[in-house]
């Protein structure tokens, strides 16, 4: 019983990682994303990519870095297409509401970054 109480105290004393940018609401611990108050369903990899980018605004992540940090795999010839497809799907989901800017920016031939 004491163990569960200590766990509860730890949960209550550690704040959530919440980022609000424009119409986008992101919560790392709940693994949730809302756009204009509407929850957006993301795949595990889409969420992980968004988390990486949104928690490091303006920092450029190369394709190799994204593959390593999100997939935990070596970069190969198929990795770039995989990342591009996931970013494309993520952008569509985030921009499903009119007026939401494209926060995920391409850095030509390098990778991606999140612009506020």
C-alpha atoms as a PDB file:
ATOM      1  CA  UNK A   1       0.000   0.000   0.000  1.00  0.00           C
ATOM      2  CA  UNK A   2       2.806   2.425   0.872  1.00  0.00           C
ATOM      3  CA  UNK A   3       4.454   1.713  -2.470  1.00  0.00           C
ATOM      4  CA  UNK A   4       1.396   2.817  -4.466  1.00  0.00           C
ATOM      5  CA  UNK A   5       1.093   5.949  -2.309  1.00  0.00           C
ATOM      6  CA  UNK A   6       4.731   6.842  -3.038  1.00  0.00           C
ATOM      7  CA  UNK A   7       4.106   6.272  -6.745  1.00  0.00           C
ATOM      8  CA  UNK A   8       1.069   8.527  -6.646  1.00  0.00           C
ATOM      9  CA  UNK A   9       3.048  11.267  -4.875  1.00  0.00           C
ATOM     10  CA  UNK A  10       5.759  11.020  -7.547  1.00  0.00           C
ATOM     11  CA  UNK A  11       3.157  11.366 -10.313  1.00  0.00           C
ATOM     12  CA  UNK A  12       1.447  14.296  -8.587  1.00  0.00           C
ATOM     13  CA  UNK A  13       4.729  16.133  -7.914  1.00  0.00           C
ATOM     14  CA  UNK A  14       6.061  15.895 -11.494  1.00  0.00           C
ATOM     15  CA  UNK A  15       4.441  18.366 -13.872  1.00  0.00           C
ATOM     16  CA  UNK A  16       3.373  17.406 -17.356  1.00  0.00           C
ATOM     17  CA  UNK A  17       5.364  18.467 -20.406  1.00  0.00           C
ATOM     18  CA  UNK A  18       2.853  20.642 -22.228  1.00  0.00           C
ATOM     19  CA  UNK A  19       3.594  22.816 -25.243  1.00  0.00           C
ATOM     20  CA  UNK A  20       1.016  25.211 -26.676  1.00  0.00           C
ATOM     21  CA  UNK A  21       1.925  26.825 -29.983  1.00  0.00           C
ATOM     22  CA  UNK A  22      -0.794  28.663 -31.832  1.00  0.00           C
ATOM     23  CA  UNK A  23      -3.700  26.274 -32.234  1.00  0.00           C
ATOM     24  CA  UNK A  24      -1.624  23.183 -31.398  1.00  0.00           C
ATOM     25  CA  UNK A  25      -1.654  21.670 -27.892  1.00  0.00           C
ATOM     26  CA  UNK A  26       0.946  18.942 -27.230  1.00  0.00           C
ATOM     27  CA  UNK A  27       1.317  16.801 -24.073  1.00  0.00           C
ATOM     28  CA  UNK A  28       4.254  14.419 -23.952  1.00  0.00           C
ATOM     29  CA  UNK A  29       3.142  12.282 -21.017  1.00  0.00           C
ATOM     30  CA  UNK A  30      -0.424  11.829 -22.266  1.00  0.00           C
ATOM     31  CA  UNK A  31       0.938  11.336 -25.798  1.00  0.00           C
ATOM     32  CA  UNK A  32      -1.804  13.616 -27.018  1.00  0.00           C
ATOM     33  CA  UNK A  33      -2.050  16.327 -29.638  1.00  0.00           C
ATOM     34  CA  UNK A  34      -4.966  18.681 -30.161  1.00  0.00           C
ATOM     35  CA  UNK A  35      -5.530  21.171 -32.950  1.00  0.00           C
ATOM     36  CA  UNK A  36      -8.168  23.822 -32.196  1.00  0.00           C
ATOM     37  CA  UNK A  37      -9.375  21.697 -29.281  1.00  0.00           C
ATOM     38  CA  UNK A  38      -9.876  18.588 -31.433  1.00  0.00           C
ATOM     39  CA  UNK A  39      -7.742  15.564 -30.642  1.00  0.00           C
ATOM     40  CA  UNK A  40      -5.566  14.424 -33.531  1.00  0.00           C
ATOM     41  CA  UNK A  41      -4.898  10.692 -33.793  1.00  0.00           C
ATOM     42  CA  UNK A  42      -1.217  10.090 -34.528  1.00  0.00           C
ATOM     43  CA  UNK A  43       0.629   6.848 -35.038  1.00  0.00           C
ATOM     44  CA  UNK A  44       3.398   6.037 -32.592  1.00  0.00           C
ATOM     45  CA  UNK A  45       6.104   7.134 -35.027  1.00  0.00           C
ATOM     46  CA  UNK A  46       4.244  10.310 -36.030  1.00  0.00           C
ATOM     47  CA  UNK A  47       3.955  11.276 -32.361  1.00  0.00           C
ATOM     48  CA  UNK A  48       7.613  10.476 -31.720  1.00  0.00           C
ATOM     49  CA  UNK A  49       8.719  12.612 -34.674  1.00  0.00           C
ATOM     50  CA  UNK A  50       6.505  15.487 -33.542  1.00  0.00           C
ATOM     51  CA  UNK A  51       7.822  15.188 -29.973  1.00  0.00           C
ATOM     52  CA  UNK A  52      11.398  15.334 -31.210  1.00  0.00           C
ATOM     53  CA  UNK A  53      10.745  18.406 -33.342  1.00  0.00           C
ATOM     54  CA  UNK A  54       8.362  20.377 -31.101  1.00  0.00           C
ATOM     55  CA  UNK A  55      10.531  19.949 -28.014  1.00  0.00           C
ATOM     56  CA  UNK A  56      13.529  21.297 -29.928  1.00  0.00           C
ATOM     57  CA  UNK A  57      12.111  24.237 -31.893  1.00  0.00           C
ATOM     58  CA  UNK A  58      14.210  25.635 -34.742  1.00  0.00           C
ATOM     59  CA  UNK A  59      16.794  22.868 -34.324  1.00  0.00           C
ATOM     60  CA  UNK A  60      17.424  21.020 -37.576  1.00  0.00           C
ATOM     61  CA  UNK A  61      17.278  17.225 -37.393  1.00  0.00           C
ATOM     62  CA  UNK A  62      18.885  15.368 -40.272  1.00  0.00           C
ATOM     63  CA  UNK A  63      17.291  12.291 -41.784  1.00  0.00           C
ATOM     64  CA  UNK A  64      20.013  10.237 -40.110  1.00  0.00           C
ATOM     65  CA  UNK A  65      19.286  11.781 -36.701  1.00  0.00           C
ATOM     66  CA  UNK A  66      15.543  11.175 -37.036  1.00  0.00           C
ATOM     67  CA  UNK A  67      16.105   7.558 -38.022  1.00  0.00           C
ATOM     68  CA  UNK A  68      18.414   7.040 -35.050  1.00  0.00           C
ATOM     69  CA  UNK A  69      16.330   8.903 -32.457  1.00  0.00           C
ATOM     70  CA  UNK A  70      12.848   7.740 -33.517  1.00  0.00           C
ATOM     71  CA  UNK A  71      13.398   4.323 -35.086  1.00  0.00           C
ATOM     72  CA  UNK A  72      16.636   3.435 -33.259  1.00  0.00           C
ATOM     73  CA  UNK A  73      17.931   1.999 -36.517  1.00  0.00           C
ATOM     74  CA  UNK A  74      20.777   2.677 -38.887  1.00  0.00           C
ATOM     75  CA  UNK A  75      20.062   4.984 -41.799  1.00  0.00           C
ATOM     76  CA  UNK A  76      19.767   3.175 -45.144  1.00  0.00           C
ATOM     77  CA  UNK A  77      18.511   3.955 -48.635  1.00  0.00           C
ATOM     78  CA  UNK A  78      14.862   3.387 -47.652  1.00  0.00           C
ATOM     79  CA  UNK A  79      14.969   5.517 -44.504  1.00  0.00           C
ATOM     80  CA  UNK A  80      14.609   8.879 -46.238  1.00  0.00           C
ATOM     81  CA  UNK A  81      11.387   7.813 -48.009  1.00  0.00           C
ATOM     82  CA  UNK A  82      10.009   6.408 -44.748  1.00  0.00           C
ATOM     83  CA  UNK A  83      10.690   9.663 -42.921  1.00  0.00           C
ATOM     84  CA  UNK A  84       9.275  11.782 -45.759  1.00  0.00           C
ATOM     85  CA  UNK A  85       6.054   9.717 -45.736  1.00  0.00           C
ATOM     86  CA  UNK A  86       5.645  10.024 -41.963  1.00  0.00           C
ATOM     87  CA  UNK A  87       6.291  13.790 -42.067  1.00  0.00           C
ATOM     88  CA  UNK A  88       3.767  14.180 -44.905  1.00  0.00           C
ATOM     89  CA  UNK A  89       1.096  12.306 -42.936  1.00  0.00           C
ATOM     90  CA  UNK A  90       1.913  14.279 -39.783  1.00  0.00           C
ATOM     91  CA  UNK A  91       1.626  17.598 -41.623  1.00  0.00           C
ATOM     92  CA  UNK A  92      -1.769  16.617 -43.087  1.00  0.00           C
ATOM     93  CA  UNK A  93      -3.085  15.722 -39.656  1.00  0.00           C
ATOM     94  CA  UNK A  94      -1.796  18.901 -38.003  1.00  0.00           C
ATOM     95  CA  UNK A  95      -3.132  21.092 -40.808  1.00  0.00           C
ATOM     96  CA  UNK A  96      -6.547  19.387 -40.966  1.00  0.00           C
ATOM     97  CA  UNK A  97      -8.123  22.543 -39.545  1.00  0.00           C
ATOM     98  CA  UNK A  98      -8.065  25.658 -41.765  1.00  0.00           C
ATOM     99  CA  UNK A  99      -5.726  28.396 -40.608  1.00  0.00           C
ATOM    100  CA  UNK A 100      -3.168  26.184 -38.902  1.00  0.00           C
ATOM    101  CA  UNK A 101       0.287  26.989 -40.276  1.00  0.00           C
ATOM    102  CA  UNK A 102       2.770  24.384 -41.426  1.00  0.00           C
ATOM    103  CA  UNK A 103       5.016  24.255 -38.378  1.00  0.00           C
ATOM    104  CA  UNK A 104       7.183  21.437 -39.717  1.00  0.00           C
ATOM    105  CA  UNK A 105       9.673  22.925 -42.131  1.00  0.00           C
ATOM    106  CA  UNK A 106      11.851  21.077 -44.601  1.00  0.00           C
ATOM    107  CA  UNK A 107      15.524  21.932 -44.667  1.00  0.00           C
ATOM    108  CA  UNK A 108      16.426  21.141 -48.266  1.00  0.00           C
ATOM    109  CA  UNK A 109      18.411  17.879 -48.599  1.00  0.00           C
ATOM    110  CA  UNK A 110      19.136  17.871 -44.855  1.00  0.00           C
ATOM    111  CA  UNK A 111      16.040  17.104 -42.772  1.00  0.00           C
ATOM    112  CA  UNK A 112      13.357  18.928 -40.778  1.00  0.00           C
ATOM    113  CA  UNK A 113      12.782  21.463 -38.028  1.00  0.00           C
ATOM    114  CA  UNK A 114       9.812  22.832 -36.087  1.00  0.00           C
ATOM    115  CA  UNK A 115       9.159  26.563 -36.474  1.00  0.00           C
ATOM    116  CA  UNK A 116       6.960  28.338 -33.969  1.00  0.00           C
END
